[in-house]
PDB file of N, CA and C in Angstrom:
ATOM      1  N   MET A   1       0.854  -1.178  -0.001  1.00  0.00           N
ATOM      2  CA  MET A   1      -0.001   0.000   0.001  1.00  0.00           C
ATOM      3  C   MET A   1       0.890   1.228   0.000  1.00  0.00           C
ATOM      4  N   ALA A   2       0.684   2.134  -0.904  1.00  0.00           N
ATOM      5  CA  ALA A   2       1.528   3.313  -1.034  1.00  0.00           C
ATOM      6  C   ALA A   2       0.908   4.502  -0.335  1.00  0.00           C
ATOM      7  N   SER A   3       1.779   5.395   0.118  1.00  0.00           N
ATOM      8  CA  SER A   3       1.289   6.617   0.744  1.00  0.00           C
ATOM      9  C   SER A   3       1.001   7.641  -0.335  1.00  0.00           C
ATOM     10  N   PRO A   4       0.304   8.729  -0.011  1.00  0.00           N
ATOM     11  CA  PRO A   4      -0.019   9.732  -1.018  1.00  0.00           C
ATOM     12  C   PRO A   4       1.217  10.325  -1.675  1.00  0.00           C
ATOM     13  N   SER A   5       2.359  10.312  -0.978  1.00  0.00           N
ATOM     14  CA  SER A   5       3.568  10.881  -1.562  1.00  0.00           C
ATOM     15  C   SER A   5       4.236   9.925  -2.528  1.00  0.00           C
ATOM     16  N   GLY A   6       3.708   8.704  -2.673  1.00  0.00           N
ATOM     17  CA  GLY A   6       4.256   7.768  -3.637  1.00  0.00           C
ATOM     18  C   GLY A   6       5.156   6.722  -3.017  1.00  0.00           C
ATOM     19  N   GLY A   7       5.612   6.898  -1.778  1.00  0.00           N
ATOM     20  CA  GLY A   7       6.466   5.923  -1.116  1.00  0.00           C
ATOM     21  C   GLY A   7       5.638   4.884  -0.396  1.00  0.00           C
ATOM     22  N   ALA A   8       6.345   3.933   0.196  1.00  0.00           N
ATOM     23  CA  ALA A   8       5.662   2.893   0.969  1.00  0.00           C
ATOM     24  C   ALA A   8       5.091   3.492   2.255  1.00  0.00           C
ATOM     25  N   THR A   9       4.001   2.945   2.740  1.00  0.00           N
ATOM     26  CA  THR A   9       3.404   3.390   3.988  1.00  0.00           C
ATOM     27  C   THR A   9       4.282   2.936   5.143  1.00  0.00           C
ATOM     28  N   LYS A  10       4.610   3.866   6.020  1.00  0.00           N
ATOM     29  CA  LYS A  10       5.453   3.549   7.174  1.00  0.00           C
ATOM     30  C   LYS A  10       4.615   2.851   8.233  1.00  0.00           C
ATOM     31  N   LYS A  11       5.254   1.940   8.980  1.00  0.00           N
ATOM     32  CA  LYS A  11       4.560   1.190  10.021  1.00  0.00           C
ATOM     33  C   LYS A  11       5.391   1.210  11.296  1.00  0.00           C
ATOM     34  N   CYS A  12       4.745   1.556  12.412  1.00  0.00           N
ATOM     35  CA  CYS A  12       5.400   1.522  13.716  1.00  0.00           C
ATOM     36  C   CYS A  12       5.356   0.081  14.216  1.00  0.00           C
ATOM     37  N   VAL A  13       6.533  -0.512  14.471  1.00  0.00           N
ATOM     38  CA  VAL A  13       6.589  -1.909  14.911  1.00  0.00           C
ATOM     39  C   VAL A  13       6.590  -2.049  16.429  1.00  0.00           C
ATOM     40  N   LEU A  14       6.547  -0.945  17.150  1.00  0.00           N
ATOM     41  CA  LEU A  14       6.625  -0.999  18.607  1.00  0.00           C
ATOM     42  C   LEU A  14       5.268  -0.927  19.292  1.00  0.00           C
ATOM     43  N   HIS A  15       4.186  -1.100  18.552  1.00  0.00           N
ATOM     44  CA  HIS A  15       2.844  -1.093  19.151  1.00  0.00           C
ATOM     45  C   HIS A  15       2.545  -2.460  19.756  1.00  0.00           C
ATOM     46  N   VAL A  16       2.115  -2.452  21.025  1.00  0.00           N
ATOM     47  CA  VAL A  16       1.769  -3.710  21.682  1.00  0.00           C
ATOM     48  C   VAL A  16       0.376  -3.679  22.291  1.00  0.00           C
ATOM     49  N   ASP A  17      -0.226  -2.533  22.307  1.00  0.00           N
ATOM     50  CA  ASP A  17      -1.554  -2.411  22.914  1.00  0.00           C
ATOM     51  C   ASP A  17      -2.376  -1.432  22.092  1.00  0.00           C
ATOM     52  N   GLU A  18      -3.525  -1.148  22.577  1.00  0.00           N
ATOM     53  CA  GLU A  18      -4.444  -0.290  21.845  1.00  0.00           C
ATOM     54  C   GLU A  18      -4.338   1.189  22.215  1.00  0.00           C
ATOM     55  N   GLN A  19      -3.231   1.585  22.839  1.00  0.00           N
ATOM     56  CA  GLN A  19      -3.069   2.997  23.184  1.00  0.00           C
ATOM     57  C   GLN A  19      -3.115   3.829  21.916  1.00  0.00           C
ATOM     58  N   LYS A  20      -3.817   4.925  22.022  1.00  0.00           N
ATOM     59  CA  LYS A  20      -3.943   5.824  20.878  1.00  0.00           C
ATOM     60  C   LYS A  20      -2.656   6.625  20.698  1.00  0.00           C
ATOM     61  N   VAL A  21      -2.295   6.812  19.463  1.00  0.00           N
ATOM     62  CA  VAL A  21      -1.180   7.672  19.111  1.00  0.00           C
ATOM     63  C   VAL A  21      -1.770   8.762  18.238  1.00  0.00           C
ATOM     64  N   SER A  22      -1.363   9.958  18.487  1.00  0.00           N
ATOM     65  CA  SER A  22      -1.871  11.085  17.716  1.00  0.00           C
ATOM     66  C   SER A  22      -1.738  10.789  16.223  1.00  0.00           C
ATOM     67  N   ALA A  23      -2.785  11.099  15.486  1.00  0.00           N
ATOM     68  CA  ALA A  23      -2.796  10.833  14.045  1.00  0.00           C
ATOM     69  C   ALA A  23      -1.655  11.538  13.324  1.00  0.00           C
ATOM     70  N   ASP A  24      -1.198  12.653  13.883  1.00  0.00           N
ATOM     71  CA  ASP A  24      -0.107  13.385  13.236  1.00  0.00           C
ATOM     72  C   ASP A  24       1.270  13.024  13.809  1.00  0.00           C
ATOM     73  N   ALA A  25       1.319  12.011  14.710  1.00  0.00           N
ATOM     74  CA  ALA A  25       2.603  11.588  15.271  1.00  0.00           C
ATOM     75  C   ALA A  25       3.441  10.961  14.163  1.00  0.00           C
ATOM     76  N   GLU A  26       4.631  11.449  14.024  1.00  0.00           N
ATOM     77  CA  GLU A  26       5.517  11.005  12.952  1.00  0.00           C
ATOM     78  C   GLU A  26       6.090   9.623  13.242  1.00  0.00           C
ATOM     79  N   ILE A  27       6.125   8.781  12.228  1.00  0.00           N
ATOM     80  CA  ILE A  27       6.815   7.499  12.330  1.00  0.00           C
ATOM     81  C   ILE A  27       8.228   7.728  11.798  1.00  0.00           C
ATOM     82  N   ILE A  28       9.191   7.464  12.663  1.00  0.00           N
ATOM     83  CA  ILE A  28      10.594   7.677  12.334  1.00  0.00           C
ATOM     84  C   ILE A  28      11.176   6.351  11.871  1.00  0.00           C
ATOM     85  N   LEU A  29      11.806   6.347  10.716  1.00  0.00           N
ATOM     86  CA  LEU A  29      12.407   5.118  10.212  1.00  0.00           C
ATOM     87  C   LEU A  29      13.644   4.768  11.027  1.00  0.00           C
ATOM     88  N   PHE A  30      13.881   3.466  11.201  1.00  0.00           N
ATOM     89  CA  PHE A  30      15.055   3.013  11.936  1.00  0.00           C
ATOM     90  C   PHE A  30      16.330   3.404  11.207  1.00  0.00           C
ATOM     91  N   GLN A  31      17.272   3.855  11.977  1.00  0.00           N
ATOM     92  CA  GLN A  31      18.640   4.012  11.514  1.00  0.00           C
ATOM     93  C   GLN A  31      19.388   2.822  12.107  1.00  0.00           C
ATOM     94  N   GLU A  32      20.595   2.574  11.682  1.00  0.00           N
ATOM     95  CA  GLU A  32      21.361   1.446  12.212  1.00  0.00           C
ATOM     96  C   GLU A  32      21.478   1.527  13.740  1.00  0.00           C
ATOM     97  N   SER A  33      21.740   2.726  14.265  1.00  0.00           N
ATOM     98  CA  SER A  33      21.935   2.886  15.715  1.00  0.00           C
ATOM     99  C   SER A  33      20.638   2.704  16.498  1.00  0.00           C
ATOM    100  N   THR A  34      19.525   3.213  15.997  1.00  0.00           N
ATOM    101  CA  THR A  34      18.261   3.073  16.732  1.00  0.00           C
ATOM    102  C   THR A  34      17.768   1.634  16.673  1.00  0.00           C
ATOM    103  N   LEU A  35      17.997   0.959  15.565  1.00  0.00           N
ATOM    104  CA  LEU A  35      17.613  -0.447  15.460  1.00  0.00           C
ATOM    105  C   LEU A  35      18.450  -1.290  16.419  1.00  0.00           C
ATOM    106  N   LYS A  36      19.733  -0.985  16.519  1.00  0.00           N
ATOM    107  CA  LYS A  36      20.605  -1.719  17.443  1.00  0.00           C
ATOM    108  C   LYS A  36      20.137  -1.523  18.885  1.00  0.00           C
ATOM    109  N   MET A  37      19.761  -0.305  19.256  1.00  0.00           N
ATOM    110  CA  MET A  37      19.254  -0.046  20.608  1.00  0.00           C
ATOM    111  C   MET A  37      18.008  -0.889  20.873  1.00  0.00           C
ATOM    112  N   CYS A  38      17.122  -0.963  19.899  1.00  0.00           N
ATOM    113  CA  CYS A  38      15.903  -1.751  20.058  1.00  0.00           C
ATOM    114  C   CYS A  38      16.224  -3.241  20.158  1.00  0.00           C
ATOM    115  N   GLN A  39      17.184  -3.710  19.393  1.00  0.00           N
ATOM    116  CA  GLN A  39      17.556  -5.122  19.443  1.00  0.00           C
ATOM    117  C   GLN A  39      18.138  -5.483  20.811  1.00  0.00           C
ATOM    118  N   GLU A  40      18.920  -4.577  21.393  1.00  0.00           N
ATOM    119  CA  GLU A  40      19.465  -4.807  22.730  1.00  0.00           C
ATOM    120  C   GLU A  40      18.341  -4.811  23.770  1.00  0.00           C
ATOM    121  N   ALA A  41      17.423  -3.885  23.641  1.00  0.00           N
ATOM    122  CA  ALA A  41      16.280  -3.832  24.564  1.00  0.00           C
ATOM    123  C   ALA A  41      15.409  -5.068  24.401  1.00  0.00           C
ATOM    124  N   GLN A  42      15.274  -5.560  23.185  1.00  0.00           N
ATOM    125  CA  GLN A  42      14.448  -6.739  22.933  1.00  0.00           C
ATOM    126  C   GLN A  42      14.998  -7.950  23.688  1.00  0.00           C
ATOM    127  N   LYS A  43      16.315  -8.093  23.763  1.00  0.00           N
ATOM    128  CA  LYS A  43      16.909  -9.202  24.511  1.00  0.00           C
ATOM    129  C   LYS A  43      16.454  -9.154  25.973  1.00  0.00           C
ATOM    130  N   VAL A  44      16.405  -7.942  26.533  1.00  0.00           N
ATOM    131  CA  VAL A  44      15.970  -7.773  27.918  1.00  0.00           C
ATOM    132  C   VAL A  44      14.509  -8.165  28.056  1.00  0.00           C
ATOM    133  N   HIS A  45      13.666  -7.676  27.169  1.00  0.00           N
ATOM    134  CA  HIS A  45      12.229  -7.975  27.244  1.00  0.00           C
ATOM    135  C   HIS A  45      11.962  -9.471  27.109  1.00  0.00           C
ATOM    136  N   LEU A  46      12.717 -10.140  26.260  1.00  0.00           N
ATOM    137  CA  LEU A  46      12.541 -11.579  26.088  1.00  0.00           C
ATOM    138  C   LEU A  46      13.030 -12.354  27.308  1.00  0.00           C
ATOM    139  N   ALA A  47      14.035 -11.819  28.006  1.00  0.00           N
ATOM    140  CA  ALA A  47      14.581 -12.482  29.191  1.00  0.00           C
ATOM    141  C   ALA A  47      13.697 -12.283  30.423  1.00  0.00           C
ATOM    142  N   ARG A  48      12.901 -11.240  30.420  1.00  0.00           N
ATOM    143  CA  ARG A  48      12.021 -10.971  31.561  1.00  0.00           C
ATOM    144  C   ARG A  48      10.915 -12.017  31.627  1.00  0.00           C
ATOM    145  N   THR A  49      10.495 -12.297  32.875  1.00  0.00           N
ATOM    146  CA  THR A  49       9.399 -13.240  33.071  1.00  0.00           C
ATOM    147  C   THR A  49       8.117 -12.691  32.468  1.00  0.00           C
ATOM    148  N   ARG A  50       7.871 -11.418  32.708  1.00  0.00           N
ATOM    149  CA  ARG A  50       6.669 -10.770  32.181  1.00  0.00           C
ATOM    150  C   ARG A  50       7.082  -9.467  31.499  1.00  0.00           C
ATOM    151  N   SER A  51       6.712  -9.324  30.270  1.00  0.00           N
ATOM    152  CA  SER A  51       6.944  -8.078  29.541  1.00  0.00           C
ATOM    153  C   SER A  51       5.918  -7.977  28.429  1.00  0.00           C
ATOM    154  N   LYS A  52       5.258  -6.836  28.368  1.00  0.00           N
ATOM    155  CA  LYS A  52       4.271  -6.657  27.301  1.00  0.00           C
ATOM    156  C   LYS A  52       4.944  -6.536  25.937  1.00  0.00           C
ATOM    157  N   PHE A  53       6.259  -6.380  25.941  1.00  0.00           N
ATOM    158  CA  PHE A  53       6.994  -6.205  24.692  1.00  0.00           C
ATOM    159  C   PHE A  53       7.531  -7.513  24.107  1.00  0.00           C
ATOM    160  N   LYS A  54       7.210  -8.660  24.704  1.00  0.00           N
ATOM    161  CA  LYS A  54       7.723  -9.936  24.196  1.00  0.00           C
ATOM    162  C   LYS A  54       7.239 -10.247  22.780  1.00  0.00           C
ATOM    163  N   THR A  55       6.138  -9.677  22.385  1.00  0.00           N
ATOM    164  CA  THR A  55       5.561  -9.991  21.071  1.00  0.00           C
ATOM    165  C   THR A  55       6.096  -9.110  19.945  1.00  0.00           C
ATOM    166  N   ILE A  56       6.934  -8.155  20.288  1.00  0.00           N
ATOM    167  CA  ILE A  56       7.479  -7.245  19.274  1.00  0.00           C
ATOM    168  C   ILE A  56       8.392  -8.002  18.313  1.00  0.00           C
ATOM    169  N   THR A  57       8.217  -7.764  17.033  1.00  0.00           N
ATOM    170  CA  THR A  57       9.107  -8.319  16.013  1.00  0.00           C
ATOM    171  C   THR A  57       9.795  -7.152  15.322  1.00  0.00           C
ATOM    172  N   LEU A  58      11.113  -7.121  15.450  1.00  0.00           N
ATOM    173  CA  LEU A  58      11.891  -6.039  14.847  1.00  0.00           C
ATOM    174  C   LEU A  58      12.397  -6.453  13.477  1.00  0.00           C
ATOM    175  N   PRO A  59      12.578  -5.482  12.584  1.00  0.00           N
ATOM    176  CA  PRO A  59      13.181  -5.820  11.293  1.00  0.00           C
ATOM    177  C   PRO A  59      14.657  -6.176  11.504  1.00  0.00           C
ATOM    178  N   LEU A  60      15.208  -6.974  10.628  1.00  0.00           N
ATOM    179  CA  LEU A  60      16.619  -7.344  10.733  1.00  0.00           C
ATOM    180  C   LEU A  60      17.536  -6.209  10.300  1.00  0.00           C
ATOM    181  N   ILE A  61      17.060  -5.426   9.348  1.00  0.00           N
ATOM    182  CA  ILE A  61      17.826  -4.273   8.867  1.00  0.00           C
ATOM    183  C   ILE A  61      16.882  -3.087   8.724  1.00  0.00           C
ATOM    184  N   SER A  62      17.459  -1.898   8.738  1.00  0.00           N
ATOM    185  CA  SER A  62      16.623  -0.708   8.544  1.00  0.00           C
ATOM    186  C   SER A  62      16.146  -0.677   7.092  1.00  0.00           C
ATOM    187  N   ASN A  63      14.949  -0.129   6.904  1.00  0.00           N
ATOM    188  CA  ASN A  63      14.375  -0.053   5.563  1.00  0.00           C
ATOM    189  C   ASN A  63      13.437   1.138   5.477  1.00  0.00           C
ATOM    190  N   GLU A  64      12.703   1.250   4.408  1.00  0.00           N
ATOM    191  CA  GLU A  64      11.834   2.406   4.169  1.00  0.00           C
ATOM    192  C   GLU A  64      10.406   2.214   4.677  1.00  0.00           C
ATOM    193  N   VAL A  65      10.132   1.117   5.372  1.00  0.00           N
ATOM    194  CA  VAL A  65       8.779   0.829   5.830  1.00  0.00           C
ATOM    195  C   VAL A  65       8.676   0.838   7.346  1.00  0.00           C
ATOM    196  N   PHE A  66       9.540   0.093   8.021  1.00  0.00           N
ATOM    197  CA  PHE A  66       9.403  -0.104   9.456  1.00  0.00           C
ATOM    198  C   PHE A  66      10.133   0.961  10.263  1.00  0.00           C
ATOM    199  N   GLY A  67       9.409   1.486  11.243  1.00  0.00           N
ATOM    200  CA  GLY A  67       9.959   2.525  12.096  1.00  0.00           C
ATOM    201  C   GLY A  67       9.275   2.513  13.440  1.00  0.00           C
ATOM    202  N   TYR A  68       9.206   3.689  14.066  1.00  0.00           N
ATOM    203  CA  TYR A  68       8.665   3.781  15.421  1.00  0.00           C
ATOM    204  C   TYR A  68       8.164   5.187  15.689  1.00  0.00           C
ATOM    205  N   HIS A  69       7.250   5.289  16.642  1.00  0.00           N
ATOM    206  CA  HIS A  69       6.863   6.589  17.182  1.00  0.00           C
ATOM    207  C   HIS A  69       7.851   6.881  18.312  1.00  0.00           C
ATOM    208  N   SER A  70       8.248   8.121  18.474  1.00  0.00           N
ATOM    209  CA  SER A  70       9.278   8.448  19.466  1.00  0.00           C
ATOM    210  C   SER A  70       8.877   8.021  20.875  1.00  0.00           C
ATOM    211  N   ARG A  71       7.602   8.187  21.233  1.00  0.00           N
ATOM    212  CA  ARG A  71       7.148   7.795  22.569  1.00  0.00           C
ATOM    213  C   ARG A  71       7.257   6.279  22.768  1.00  0.00           C
ATOM    214  N   ARG A  72       6.923   5.507  21.749  1.00  0.00           N
ATOM    215  CA  ARG A  72       7.023   4.045  21.827  1.00  0.00           C
ATOM    216  C   ARG A  72       8.489   3.620  21.949  1.00  0.00           C
ATOM    217  N   TYR A  73       9.352   4.263  21.190  1.00  0.00           N
ATOM    218  CA  TYR A  73      10.786   3.972  21.237  1.00  0.00           C
ATOM    219  C   TYR A  73      11.331   4.228  22.640  1.00  0.00           C
ATOM    220  N   LYS A  74      10.933   5.339  23.221  1.00  0.00           N
ATOM    221  CA  LYS A  74      11.386   5.703  24.565  1.00  0.00           C
ATOM    222  C   LYS A  74      10.966   4.640  25.574  1.00  0.00           C
ATOM    223  N   ASN A  75       9.722   4.185  25.507  1.00  0.00           N
ATOM    224  CA  ASN A  75       9.226   3.160  26.421  1.00  0.00           C
ATOM    225  C   ASN A  75       9.918   1.809  26.194  1.00  0.00           C
ATOM    226  N   PHE A  76      10.092   1.430  24.942  1.00  0.00           N
ATOM    227  CA  PHE A  76      10.671   0.123  24.612  1.00  0.00           C
ATOM    228  C   PHE A  76      12.137   0.034  25.026  1.00  0.00           C
ATOM    229  N   THR A  77      12.870   1.110  24.854  1.00  0.00           N
ATOM    230  CA  THR A  77      14.313   1.089  25.144  1.00  0.00           C
ATOM    231  C   THR A  77      14.644   1.480  26.578  1.00  0.00           C
ATOM    232  N   ALA A  78      13.640   1.677  27.420  1.00  0.00           N
ATOM    233  CA  ALA A  78      13.866   2.061  28.819  1.00  0.00           C
ATOM    234  C   ALA A  78      14.241   0.833  29.648  1.00  0.00           C
ATOM    235  N   VAL A  79      15.431   0.323  29.410  1.00  0.00           N
ATOM    236  CA  VAL A  79      15.967  -0.814  30.169  1.00  0.00           C
ATOM    237  C   VAL A  79      17.332  -0.399  30.705  1.00  0.00           C
ATOM    238  N   SER A  80      17.690  -0.932  31.846  1.00  0.00           N
ATOM    239  CA  SER A  80      18.951  -0.535  32.472  1.00  0.00           C
ATOM    240  C   SER A  80      20.146  -1.212  31.806  1.00  0.00           C
ATOM    241  N   ALA A  81      21.303  -0.615  31.991  1.00  0.00           N
ATOM    242  CA  ALA A  81      22.538  -1.197  31.463  1.00  0.00           C
ATOM    243  C   ALA A  81      22.787  -2.565  32.094  1.00  0.00           C
ATOM    244  N   GLN A  82      22.439  -2.712  33.368  1.00  0.00           N
ATOM    245  CA  GLN A  82      22.608  -3.994  34.057  1.00  0.00           C
ATOM    246  C   GLN A  82      21.737  -5.072  33.416  1.00  0.00           C
ATOM    247  N   GLU A  83      20.486  -4.716  33.092  1.00  0.00           N
ATOM    248  CA  GLU A  83      19.590  -5.675  32.441  1.00  0.00           C
ATOM    249  C   GLU A  83      20.117  -6.062  31.061  1.00  0.00           C
ATOM    250  N   LYS A  84      20.657  -5.099  30.328  1.00  0.00           N
ATOM    251  CA  LYS A  84      21.239  -5.394  29.009  1.00  0.00           C
ATOM    252  C   LYS A  84      22.401  -6.361  29.144  1.00  0.00           C
ATOM    253  N   PHE A  85      23.257  -6.111  30.135  1.00  0.00           N
ATOM    254  CA  PHE A  85      24.422  -6.965  30.359  1.00  0.00           C
ATOM    255  C   PHE A  85      23.980  -8.387  30.690  1.00  0.00           C
ATOM    256  N   GLU A  86      23.034  -8.529  31.625  1.00  0.00           N
ATOM    257  CA  GLU A  86      22.557  -9.846  32.040  1.00  0.00           C
ATOM    258  C   GLU A  86      21.879 -10.582  30.887  1.00  0.00           C
ATOM    259  N   ALA A  87      21.074  -9.880  30.116  1.00  0.00           N
ATOM    260  CA  ALA A  87      20.401 -10.506  28.974  1.00  0.00           C
ATOM    261  C   ALA A  87      21.420 -10.950  27.934  1.00  0.00           C
ATOM    262  N   SER A  88      22.449 -10.147  27.732  1.00  0.00           N
ATOM    263  CA  SER A  88      23.510 -10.487  26.788  1.00  0.00           C
ATOM    264  C   SER A  88      24.249 -11.739  27.249  1.00  0.00           C
ATOM    265  N   GLN A  89      24.505 -11.833  28.557  1.00  0.00           N
ATOM    266  CA  GLN A  89      25.175 -13.016  29.108  1.00  0.00           C
ATOM    267  C   GLN A  89      24.318 -14.266  28.899  1.00  0.00           C
ATOM    268  N   ASN A  90      23.016 -14.143  29.116  1.00  0.00           N
ATOM    269  CA  ASN A  90      22.103 -15.274  28.923  1.00  0.00           C
ATOM    270  C   ASN A  90      22.102 -15.740  27.479  1.00  0.00           C
ATOM    271  N   VAL A  91      22.106 -14.799  26.539  1.00  0.00           N
ATOM    272  CA  VAL A  91      22.121 -15.143  25.120  1.00  0.00           C
ATOM    273  C   VAL A  91      23.433 -15.840  24.779  1.00  0.00           C
ATOM    274  N   ASP A  92      24.558 -15.325  25.308  1.00  0.00           N
ATOM    275  CA  ASP A  92      25.861 -15.936  25.049  1.00  0.00           C
ATOM    276  C   ASP A  92      25.913 -17.366  25.579  1.00  0.00           C
ATOM    277  N   GLU A  93      25.372 -17.595  26.786  1.00  0.00           N
ATOM    278  CA  GLU A  93      25.354 -18.938  27.374  1.00  0.00           C
ATOM    279  C   GLU A  93      24.511 -19.886  26.533  1.00  0.00           C
ATOM    280  N   GLU A  94      23.347 -19.428  26.077  1.00  0.00           N
ATOM    281  CA  GLU A  94      22.479 -20.272  25.258  1.00  0.00           C
ATOM    282  C   GLU A  94      23.152 -20.630  23.943  1.00  0.00           C
ATOM    283  N   GLN A  95      23.859 -19.668  23.339  1.00  0.00           N
ATOM    284  CA  GLN A  95      24.552 -19.941  22.087  1.00  0.00           C
ATOM    285  C   GLN A  95      25.683 -20.935  22.303  1.00  0.00           C
ATOM    286  N   THR A  96      26.401 -20.808  23.423  1.00  0.00           N
ATOM    287  CA  THR A  96      27.490 -21.729  23.734  1.00  0.00           C
ATOM    288  C   THR A  96      26.951 -23.138  23.924  1.00  0.00           C
ATOM    289  N   GLN A  97      25.847 -23.271  24.667  1.00  0.00           N
ATOM    290  CA  GLN A  97      25.244 -24.583  24.884  1.00  0.00           C
ATOM    291  C   GLN A  97      24.756 -25.185  23.576  1.00  0.00           C
ATOM    292  N   SER A  98      24.157 -24.365  22.741  1.00  0.00           N
ATOM    293  CA  SER A  98      23.660 -24.833  21.455  1.00  0.00           C
ATOM    294  C   SER A  98      24.819 -25.290  20.570  1.00  0.00           C
ATOM    295  N   THR A  99      25.892 -24.508  20.548  1.00  0.00           N
ATOM    296  CA  THR A  99      27.059 -24.837  19.742  1.00  0.00           C
ATOM    297  C   THR A  99      27.707 -26.112  20.249  1.00  0.00           C
ATOM    298  N   SER A 100      27.774 -26.276  21.578  1.00  0.00           N
ATOM    299  CA  SER A 100      28.367 -27.475  22.161  1.00  0.00           C
ATOM    300  C   SER A 100      27.589 -28.716  21.772  1.00  0.00           C
ATOM    301  N   SER A 101      26.274 -28.667  21.858  1.00  0.00           N
ATOM    302  CA  SER A 101      25.472 -29.836  21.520  1.00  0.00           C
ATOM    303  C   SER A 101      25.534 -30.121  20.022  1.00  0.00           C
ATOM    304  N   GLN A 102      25.617 -29.079  19.210  1.00  0.00           N
ATOM    305  CA  GLN A 102      25.741 -29.282  17.771  1.00  0.00           C
ATOM    306  C   GLN A 102      27.092 -29.891  17.448  1.00  0.00           C
ATOM    307  N   GLY A 103      28.129 -29.470  18.168  1.00  0.00           N
ATOM    308  CA  GLY A 103      29.469 -30.005  17.957  1.00  0.00           C
ATOM    309  C   GLY A 103      29.516 -31.488  18.251  1.00  0.00           C
ATOM    310  N   LEU A 104      28.829 -31.946  19.299  1.00  0.00           N
ATOM    311  CA  LEU A 104      28.774 -33.360  19.634  1.00  0.00           C
ATOM    312  C   LEU A 104      28.085 -34.131  18.521  1.00  0.00           C
ATOM    313  N   ALA A 105      26.990 -33.608  18.043  1.00  0.00           N
ATOM    314  CA  ALA A 105      26.254 -34.295  16.980  1.00  0.00           C
ATOM    315  C   ALA A 105      27.081 -34.382  15.708  1.00  0.00           C
ATOM    316  N   MET A 106      27.849 -33.360  15.400  1.00  0.00           N
ATOM    317  CA  MET A 106      28.647 -33.369  14.186  1.00  0.00           C
ATOM    318  C   MET A 106      29.858 -34.278  14.328  1.00  0.00           C
ATOM    319  N   ALA A 107      30.268 -34.602  15.567  1.00  0.00           N
ATOM    320  CA  ALA A 107      31.434 -35.431  15.785  1.00  0.00           C
ATOM    321  C   ALA A 107      31.123 -36.921  15.668  1.00  0.00           C
ATOM    322  N   LEU A 108      29.868 -37.297  15.568  1.00  0.00           N
ATOM    323  CA  LEU A 108      29.498 -38.700  15.460  1.00  0.00           C
ATOM    324  C   LEU A 108      29.917 -39.250  14.105  1.00  0.00           C
ATOM    325  N   PRO A 109      30.341 -40.494  14.073  1.00  0.00           N
ATOM    326  CA  PRO A 109      30.723 -41.100  12.795  1.00  0.00           C
ATOM    327  C   PRO A 109      29.536 -41.151  11.837  1.00  0.00           C
ATOM    328  N   THR A 110      29.829 -41.150  10.574  1.00  0.00           N
ATOM    329  CA  THR A 110      28.801 -41.205   9.546  1.00  0.00           C
ATOM    330  C   THR A 110      27.916 -42.425   9.733  1.00  0.00           C
ATOM    331  N   GLY A 111      26.619 -42.228   9.634  1.00  0.00           N
ATOM    332  CA  GLY A 111      25.674 -43.324   9.748  1.00  0.00           C
ATOM    333  C   GLY A 111      25.216 -43.605  11.167  1.00  0.00           C
ATOM    334  N   ILE A 112      25.855 -42.979  12.166  1.00  0.00           N
ATOM    335  CA  ILE A 112      25.445 -43.177  13.551  1.00  0.00           C
ATOM    336  C   ILE A 112      24.769 -41.899  14.013  1.00  0.00           C
ATOM    337  N   ASN A 113      23.523 -42.011  14.444  1.00  0.00           N
ATOM    338  CA  ASN A 113      22.752 -40.846  14.847  1.00  0.00           C
ATOM    339  C   ASN A 113      22.924 -40.484  16.310  1.00  0.00           C
ATOM    340  N   SER A 114      23.284 -41.476  17.147  1.00  0.00           N
ATOM    341  CA  SER A 114      23.465 -41.196  18.564  1.00  0.00           C
ATOM    342  C   SER A 114      24.300 -42.278  19.213  1.00  0.00           C
ATOM    343  N   TYR A 115      24.823 -41.953  20.362  1.00  0.00           N
ATOM    344  CA  TYR A 115      25.524 -42.921  21.199  1.00  0.00           C
ATOM    345  C   TYR A 115      24.655 -43.257  22.377  1.00  0.00           C
ATOM    346  N   THR A 116      24.774 -44.467  22.883  1.00  0.00           N
ATOM    347  CA  THR A 116      24.125 -44.839  24.121  1.00  0.00           C
ATOM    348  C   THR A 116      25.217 -44.929  25.171  1.00  0.00           C
ATOM    349  N   PHE A 117      25.042 -44.177  26.237  1.00  0.00           N
ATOM    350  CA  PHE A 117      26.024 -44.168  27.318  1.00  0.00           C
ATOM    351  C   PHE A 117      25.510 -45.033  28.450  1.00  0.00           C
ATOM    352  N   ILE A 118      26.367 -45.915  28.922  1.00  0.00           N
ATOM    353  CA  ILE A 118      26.020 -46.755  30.070  1.00  0.00           C
ATOM    354  C   ILE A 118      26.843 -46.263  31.240  1.00  0.00           C
ATOM    355  N   ILE A 119      26.145 -45.815  32.268  1.00  0.00           N
ATOM    356  CA  ILE A 119      26.833 -45.297  33.443  1.00  0.00           C
ATOM    357  C   ILE A 119      26.873 -46.408  34.482  1.00  0.00           C
ATOM    358  N   VAL A 120      28.079 -46.711  34.912  1.00  0.00           N
ATOM    359  CA  VAL A 120      28.252 -47.809  35.868  1.00  0.00           C
ATOM    360  C   VAL A 120      28.556 -47.232  37.231  1.00  0.00           C
TER     361      VAL A 120
END
């Protein structure tokens, strides 16, 4: 769907509820730095037990369609440096565990899908 100016219609990806946003509120397109801030905040929201932002899906790269309202961006990125650090550590641990288990599976001889371990 095109906007009256001929470009693609911009979409705010940070909406999670039915809160009204002023009809004239500008949707700001992601820049590399603002998208990175949102991606870091997203790790925190996903690590939290309860967060209304868990359902947010961010674009992988900035583009001409997906953006944010400044108020939504402010709310979404309002996470502490400590929370970012802890969430980053959790992601690193999960990746290490995943890589370790994949490494074991790749080390098996051809034609063997698993080993049976007998603990004595």
